[in-house]
Structure formats: C-alpha cells, structure tokens
Amino acid sequence: MLALARCSPPEHRLDSFDMVDLPVGAMFQQLAVGLEMPYVLELRLRASSPTFDVHLKNVTARDVLADLTKRDPKFQAERRGKMLVMWPSAPDDASSPYSATLASFKAEGGVGDVLRQLMEQAGHPAEIRAETAVGRRAVKIDVENVTARDVLALVAEQAHAAIVVQPGLVSVRPLHLGVDKN
C-alpha cells in the first residue's frame, strides 16, 4: 500500500510505503505507478528474485529507492527529474547492452518505432511489445553521448509510459495499467 502525502513535485513525500512479499522490481513499479511517474525497469535474466517486506513512513521517492537498493544490492535506481529508473548493478550493469554508450541517437515517431530504431542502433535485437494506447504516442529524441538506457528513459518520460526491459523483450504500456508481475 502506498499513501501519498499532499505535496507537489519535485520531491514527493509519502506518508507510508508498505509492501509485503514482493521483489524490489515490483515495489519499484508500485512506487512509480502510485506517484504517476514514468519509469524504466531493466530486469536481469534469472529464475527467481528474492522477496521482501517494506514498511517505511514519511519518506521521499528517493528514500524508497535507496531502501530498495539496500535490500537487493543487485539493483541500482535513481530519480531522473520526473521519472524513475532501475537497472542491474555491477557486474550485470557492465554486461548490459543498455549500458553501452551511443555517440548519438536521433529518431522521431511513435514509441514503438523509436524503440525499434534504438534496439537496431544499439545492436541488441529485442521484441517490442507496446500497448496500442502508448505505442503510437509521438516522441522525438535527438541526443549525443548517451547510453541506450538513457534513451529508454527519455522515451518513457516523453510518452508518460512504463517501460520494462528484459533480455530480448521491451514492454511498453501506459502507467494506468499498473504493475508487470514478471
């Protein structure tokens, strides 16, 4: 359960953040959806994730992210302006294709099309599954010296979407559809 105090960005303050028996990735998604913040969640390929109980009071989104990454140090997370990003920690981060730096990336069009261009340029083929409502939202990206993960974050922010990245798969959906349990 997520209880949001009456306040405005940039630093949301939560009256409480209570989650039971969930992996940190699912808690991260609950936080982002509850705050109506776009997000990118990159998951590693592994059979199972440990689950935790979290009971925090009077905390900010950054406090929750710090707590989650303490509980499962295989992840790192940060708030980037009006959005949240969570991805694998080292050594998984170094081997992630989304950590590689792109000299430049320029694309414009629907979310699905832009993500296909990104995966092609990054040399990492992946199936793109985008809910129709968000897959056609127009985005425009023109950046230099960024990682593929940075581009994913920009797409999520512009489309006000949730992006979950797994090996070989990028899922995109509107925030209101909730949490991906995978």
C-alpha atoms as a PDB file:
ATOM      1  CA  MET A   1       0.000   0.000   0.000  1.00  0.00           C
ATOM      2  CA  LEU A   2       1.225   3.455  -0.939  1.00  0.00           C
ATOM      3  CA  ALA A   3      -0.040   6.546   0.880  1.00  0.00           C
ATOM      4  CA  LEU A   4       0.913   9.803  -0.817  1.00  0.00           C
ATOM      5  CA  ALA A   5       1.018  12.970   1.268  1.00  0.00           C
ATOM      6  CA  ARG A   6      -0.388  16.191  -0.140  1.00  0.00           C
ATOM      7  CA  CYS A   7       2.595  17.812  -1.794  1.00  0.00           C
ATOM      8  CA  SER A   8       3.880  18.577  -5.230  1.00  0.00           C
ATOM      9  CA  PRO A   9       6.926  17.566  -7.243  1.00  0.00           C
ATOM     10  CA  PRO A  10       9.858  17.717  -7.476  1.00  0.00           C
ATOM     11  CA  GLU A  11      10.130  15.669  -4.255  1.00  0.00           C
ATOM     12  CA  HIS A  12       7.054  13.626  -3.484  1.00  0.00           C
ATOM     13  CA  ARG A  13       6.720  12.801   0.206  1.00  0.00           C
ATOM     14  CA  LEU A  14       4.936   9.607   1.105  1.00  0.00           C
ATOM     15  CA  ASP A  15       3.058   9.187   4.380  1.00  0.00           C
ATOM     16  CA  SER A  16       3.869   5.494   4.087  1.00  0.00           C
ATOM     17  CA  PHE A  17       5.225   2.877   1.718  1.00  0.00           C
ATOM     18  CA  ASP A  18       4.113  -0.611   2.747  1.00  0.00           C
ATOM     19  CA  MET A  19       4.743  -3.648   0.554  1.00  0.00           C
ATOM     20  CA  VAL A  20       4.672  -7.296   1.577  1.00  0.00           C
ATOM     21  CA  ASP A  21       6.379 -10.297  -0.012  1.00  0.00           C
ATOM     22  CA  LEU A  22       7.390  -8.646  -3.309  1.00  0.00           C
ATOM     23  CA  PRO A  23      10.658  -8.418  -5.231  1.00  0.00           C
ATOM     24  CA  VAL A  24      12.173  -4.929  -5.380  1.00  0.00           C
ATOM     25  CA  GLY A  25      11.327  -4.613  -9.089  1.00  0.00           C
ATOM     26  CA  ALA A  26       7.609  -4.956  -8.338  1.00  0.00           C
ATOM     27  CA  MET A  27       7.919  -2.492  -5.442  1.00  0.00           C
ATOM     28  CA  PHE A  28       9.723  -0.046  -7.748  1.00  0.00           C
ATOM     29  CA  GLN A  29       6.858  -0.308 -10.235  1.00  0.00           C
ATOM     30  CA  GLN A  30       4.266   0.202  -7.483  1.00  0.00           C
ATOM     31  CA  LEU A  31       6.111   3.342  -6.369  1.00  0.00           C
ATOM     32  CA  ALA A  32       6.262   4.769  -9.901  1.00  0.00           C
ATOM     33  CA  VAL A  33       2.628   3.971 -10.711  1.00  0.00           C
ATOM     34  CA  GLY A  34       1.444   5.329  -7.351  1.00  0.00           C
ATOM     35  CA  LEU A  35       3.292   8.596  -7.969  1.00  0.00           C
ATOM     36  CA  GLU A  36       2.190   8.626 -11.632  1.00  0.00           C
ATOM     37  CA  MET A  37       5.826   8.852 -12.702  1.00  0.00           C
ATOM     38  CA  PRO A  38       7.084   7.313 -15.950  1.00  0.00           C
ATOM     39  CA  TYR A  39       9.690   4.627 -15.408  1.00  0.00           C
ATOM     40  CA  VAL A  40      12.189   2.219 -16.929  1.00  0.00           C
ATOM     41  CA  LEU A  41      12.842  -1.090 -15.193  1.00  0.00           C
ATOM     42  CA  GLU A  42      15.594  -3.321 -16.563  1.00  0.00           C
ATOM     43  CA  LEU A  43      15.415  -6.897 -15.327  1.00  0.00           C
ATOM     44  CA  ARG A  44      18.200  -9.469 -15.437  1.00  0.00           C
ATOM     45  CA  LEU A  45      17.660 -12.956 -16.720  1.00  0.00           C
ATOM     46  CA  ARG A  46      17.325 -15.202 -13.710  1.00  0.00           C
ATOM     47  CA  ALA A  47      14.937 -17.801 -12.412  1.00  0.00           C
ATOM     48  CA  SER A  48      13.654 -16.013  -9.309  1.00  0.00           C
ATOM     49  CA  SER A  49      14.021 -12.816  -7.325  1.00  0.00           C
ATOM     50  CA  PRO A  50      14.106 -12.579  -3.544  1.00  0.00           C
ATOM     51  CA  THR A  51      11.035 -11.035  -1.957  1.00  0.00           C
ATOM     52  CA  PHE A  52      10.923  -8.545   0.891  1.00  0.00           C
ATOM     53  CA  ASP A  53       8.578  -6.754   3.260  1.00  0.00           C
ATOM     54  CA  VAL A  54       8.992  -2.977   3.348  1.00  0.00           C
ATOM     55  CA  HIS A  55       7.330  -0.652   5.856  1.00  0.00           C
ATOM     56  CA  LEU A  56       8.512   2.971   5.564  1.00  0.00           C
ATOM     57  CA  LYS A  57       6.944   6.112   6.997  1.00  0.00           C
ATOM     58  CA  ASN A  58       7.261   9.762   5.974  1.00  0.00           C
ATOM     59  CA  VAL A  59       9.750   9.206   3.137  1.00  0.00           C
ATOM     60  CA  THR A  60      10.530  10.648  -0.281  1.00  0.00           C
ATOM     61  CA  ALA A  61      10.683   8.696  -3.530  1.00  0.00           C
ATOM     62  CA  ARG A  62      14.490   8.893  -3.306  1.00  0.00           C
ATOM     63  CA  ASP A  63      14.363   7.419   0.228  1.00  0.00           C
ATOM     64  CA  VAL A  64      12.286   4.488  -1.036  1.00  0.00           C
ATOM     65  CA  LEU A  65      14.688   3.870  -3.942  1.00  0.00           C
ATOM     66  CA  ALA A  66      17.661   3.899  -1.538  1.00  0.00           C
ATOM     67  CA  ASP A  67      15.905   1.400   0.720  1.00  0.00           C
ATOM     68  CA  LEU A  68      15.023  -0.916  -2.157  1.00  0.00           C
ATOM     69  CA  THR A  69      18.588  -0.999  -3.484  1.00  0.00           C
ATOM     70  CA  LYS A  70      19.903  -1.719   0.025  1.00  0.00           C
ATOM     71  CA  ARG A  71      17.565  -4.693   0.294  1.00  0.00           C
ATOM     72  CA  ASP A  72      18.550  -6.061  -3.114  1.00  0.00           C
ATOM     73  CA  PRO A  73      22.018  -4.713  -3.985  1.00  0.00           C
ATOM     74  CA  LYS A  74      21.796  -6.421  -7.369  1.00  0.00           C
ATOM     75  CA  PHE A  75      19.851  -3.327  -8.465  1.00  0.00           C
ATOM     76  CA  GLN A  76      20.559   0.383  -8.587  1.00  0.00           C
ATOM     77  CA  ALA A  77      17.927   3.066  -9.008  1.00  0.00           C
ATOM     78  CA  GLU A  78      17.574   6.789  -9.343  1.00  0.00           C
ATOM     79  CA  ARG A  79      15.076   9.508  -9.850  1.00  0.00           C
ATOM     80  CA  ARG A  80      15.742  11.492 -13.028  1.00  0.00           C
ATOM     81  CA  GLY A  81      13.617  14.593 -12.878  1.00  0.00           C
ATOM     82  CA  LYS A  82      10.018  13.483 -13.326  1.00  0.00           C
ATOM     83  CA  MET A  83      10.799   9.806 -13.828  1.00  0.00           C
ATOM     84  CA  LEU A  84      12.352   6.743 -12.182  1.00  0.00           C
ATOM     85  CA  VAL A  85      14.935   4.260 -13.498  1.00  0.00           C
ATOM     86  CA  MET A  86      16.026   0.913 -12.008  1.00  0.00           C
ATOM     87  CA  TRP A  87      18.668  -1.354 -13.550  1.00  0.00           C
ATOM     88  CA  PRO A  88      21.123  -4.117 -12.606  1.00  0.00           C
ATOM     89  CA  SER A  89      24.192  -3.267 -10.527  1.00  0.00           C
ATOM     90  CA  ALA A  90      27.745  -4.250 -11.430  1.00  0.00           C
ATOM     91  CA  PRO A  91      28.841  -6.669 -12.820  1.00  0.00           C
ATOM     92  CA  ASP A  92      25.477  -7.154 -14.577  1.00  0.00           C
ATOM     93  CA  ASP A  93      25.389  -3.445 -15.456  1.00  0.00           C
ATOM     94  CA  ALA A  94      28.681  -3.641 -17.356  1.00  0.00           C
ATOM     95  CA  SER A  95      27.419  -6.571 -19.422  1.00  0.00           C
ATOM     96  CA  SER A  96      24.042  -4.968 -20.121  1.00  0.00           C
ATOM     97  CA  PRO A  97      23.603  -3.875 -23.740  1.00  0.00           C
ATOM     98  CA  TYR A  98      21.735  -0.849 -22.398  1.00  0.00           C
ATOM     99  CA  SER A  99      24.895   0.428 -20.663  1.00  0.00           C
ATOM    100  CA  ALA A 100      26.789   0.863 -23.922  1.00  0.00           C
ATOM    101  CA  THR A 101      27.304   4.483 -24.954  1.00  0.00           C
ATOM    102  CA  LEU A 102      25.841   5.669 -28.228  1.00  0.00           C
ATOM    103  CA  ALA A 103      27.691   8.509 -29.959  1.00  0.00           C
ATOM    104  CA  SER A 104      24.313   9.893 -30.977  1.00  0.00           C
ATOM    105  CA  PHE A 105      20.708   8.845 -31.365  1.00  0.00           C
ATOM    106  CA  LYS A 106      18.098  10.707 -33.370  1.00  0.00           C
ATOM    107  CA  ALA A 107      14.598   9.411 -34.007  1.00  0.00           C
ATOM    108  CA  GLU A 108      11.072  10.729 -34.221  1.00  0.00           C
ATOM    109  CA  GLY A 109       7.757   8.910 -34.426  1.00  0.00           C
ATOM    110  CA  GLY A 110       5.631   6.541 -32.418  1.00  0.00           C
ATOM    111  CA  VAL A 111       7.104   4.967 -29.281  1.00  0.00           C
ATOM    112  CA  GLY A 112       7.237   1.506 -30.849  1.00  0.00           C
ATOM    113  CA  ASP A 113       9.048   2.758 -33.954  1.00  0.00           C
ATOM    114  CA  VAL A 114      11.565   4.790 -31.966  1.00  0.00           C
ATOM    115  CA  LEU A 115      12.317   1.821 -29.700  1.00  0.00           C
ATOM    116  CA  ARG A 116      12.865  -0.433 -32.731  1.00  0.00           C
ATOM    117  CA  GLN A 117      15.338   2.097 -34.110  1.00  0.00           C
ATOM    118  CA  LEU A 118      17.099   2.228 -30.744  1.00  0.00           C
ATOM    119  CA  MET A 119      17.418  -1.556 -30.494  1.00  0.00           C
ATOM    120  CA  GLU A 120      18.745  -1.717 -34.054  1.00  0.00           C
ATOM    121  CA  GLN A 121      21.304   1.048 -33.490  1.00  0.00           C
ATOM    122  CA  ALA A 122      22.368  -0.417 -30.145  1.00  0.00           C
ATOM    123  CA  GLY A 123      22.894  -3.776 -31.858  1.00  0.00           C
ATOM    124  CA  HIS A 124      20.558  -5.504 -29.446  1.00  0.00           C
ATOM    125  CA  PRO A 125      17.606  -7.127 -31.170  1.00  0.00           C
ATOM    126  CA  ALA A 126      14.539  -7.239 -28.978  1.00  0.00           C
ATOM    127  CA  GLU A 127      10.852  -7.791 -29.462  1.00  0.00           C
ATOM    128  CA  ILE A 128       8.930  -4.580 -28.808  1.00  0.00           C
ATOM    129  CA  ARG A 129       5.538  -5.063 -27.164  1.00  0.00           C
ATOM    130  CA  ALA A 130       3.756  -1.753 -26.905  1.00  0.00           C
ATOM    131  CA  GLU A 131       0.156  -1.320 -25.811  1.00  0.00           C
ATOM    132  CA  THR A 132      -1.671   0.449 -28.647  1.00  0.00           C
ATOM    133  CA  ALA A 133      -2.549   3.433 -26.458  1.00  0.00           C
ATOM    134  CA  VAL A 134       1.103   4.214 -25.802  1.00  0.00           C
ATOM    135  CA  GLY A 135       2.842   2.599 -28.785  1.00  0.00           C
ATOM    136  CA  ARG A 136       1.610   5.293 -31.125  1.00  0.00           C
ATOM    137  CA  ARG A 137       2.391   8.265 -28.898  1.00  0.00           C
ATOM    138  CA  ALA A 138       4.779  10.601 -30.671  1.00  0.00           C
ATOM    139  CA  VAL A 139       8.254  11.107 -29.235  1.00  0.00           C
ATOM    140  CA  LYS A 140      11.272  12.978 -30.528  1.00  0.00           C
ATOM    141  CA  ILE A 141      14.761  12.094 -29.380  1.00  0.00           C
ATOM    142  CA  ASP A 142      17.945  13.871 -30.501  1.00  0.00           C
ATOM    143  CA  VAL A 143      20.861  13.242 -28.133  1.00  0.00           C
ATOM    144  CA  GLU A 144      24.596  12.609 -28.098  1.00  0.00           C
ATOM    145  CA  ASN A 145      26.894  10.594 -25.824  1.00  0.00           C
ATOM    146  CA  VAL A 146      24.172   8.693 -24.000  1.00  0.00           C
ATOM    147  CA  THR A 147      23.510   5.083 -23.114  1.00  0.00           C
ATOM    148  CA  ALA A 148      20.640   3.114 -24.612  1.00  0.00           C
ATOM    149  CA  ARG A 149      19.174   3.155 -21.079  1.00  0.00           C
ATOM    150  CA  ASP A 150      19.235   6.973 -21.156  1.00  0.00           C
ATOM    151  CA  VAL A 151      17.286   6.903 -24.419  1.00  0.00           C
ATOM    152  CA  LEU A 152      14.766   4.463 -22.943  1.00  0.00           C
ATOM    153  CA  ALA A 153      14.291   6.910 -20.057  1.00  0.00           C
ATOM    154  CA  LEU A 154      13.712   9.822 -22.425  1.00  0.00           C
ATOM    155  CA  VAL A 155      11.135   7.807 -24.373  1.00  0.00           C
ATOM    156  CA  ALA A 156       9.331   6.819 -21.154  1.00  0.00           C
ATOM    157  CA  GLU A 157       9.290  10.413 -19.954  1.00  0.00           C
ATOM    158  CA  GLN A 158       8.010  11.888 -23.227  1.00  0.00           C
ATOM    159  CA  ALA A 159       5.340   9.191 -23.637  1.00  0.00           C
ATOM    160  CA  HIS A 160       4.458   9.171 -19.923  1.00  0.00           C
ATOM    161  CA  ALA A 161       4.863   5.407 -20.059  1.00  0.00           C
ATOM    162  CA  ALA A 162       6.129   2.378 -18.182  1.00  0.00           C
ATOM    163  CA  ILE A 163       8.976   0.508 -19.908  1.00  0.00           C
ATOM    164  CA  VAL A 164      10.109  -2.897 -18.663  1.00  0.00           C
ATOM    165  CA  VAL A 165      13.229  -4.308 -20.337  1.00  0.00           C
ATOM    166  CA  GLN A 166      14.104  -7.993 -20.174  1.00  0.00           C
ATOM    167  CA  PRO A 167      16.593  -9.938 -22.265  1.00  0.00           C
ATOM    168  CA  GLY A 168      15.156  -9.923 -25.785  1.00  0.00           C
ATOM    169  CA  LEU A 169      11.967  -8.056 -24.847  1.00  0.00           C
ATOM    170  CA  VAL A 170      10.936  -4.424 -24.295  1.00  0.00           C
ATOM    171  CA  SER A 171       7.381  -3.945 -22.950  1.00  0.00           C
ATOM    172  CA  VAL A 172       5.733  -0.534 -23.010  1.00  0.00           C
ATOM    173  CA  ARG A 173       2.396   0.375 -21.509  1.00  0.00           C
ATOM    174  CA  PRO A 174       0.572   3.384 -20.093  1.00  0.00           C
ATOM    175  CA  LEU A 175       1.118   3.973 -16.392  1.00  0.00           C
ATOM    176  CA  HIS A 176      -2.531   3.412 -15.515  1.00  0.00           C
ATOM    177  CA  LEU A 177      -2.309  -0.285 -16.458  1.00  0.00           C
ATOM    178  CA  GLY A 178      -0.370  -0.971 -13.292  1.00  0.00           C
ATOM    179  CA  VAL A 179       2.454  -3.327 -12.493  1.00  0.00           C
ATOM    180  CA  ASP A 180       4.037  -6.113 -14.514  1.00  0.00           C
ATOM    181  CA  LYS A 181       4.402  -9.024 -12.074  1.00  0.00           C
ATOM    182  CA  ASN A 182       7.308 -10.585 -14.059  1.00  0.00           C
END
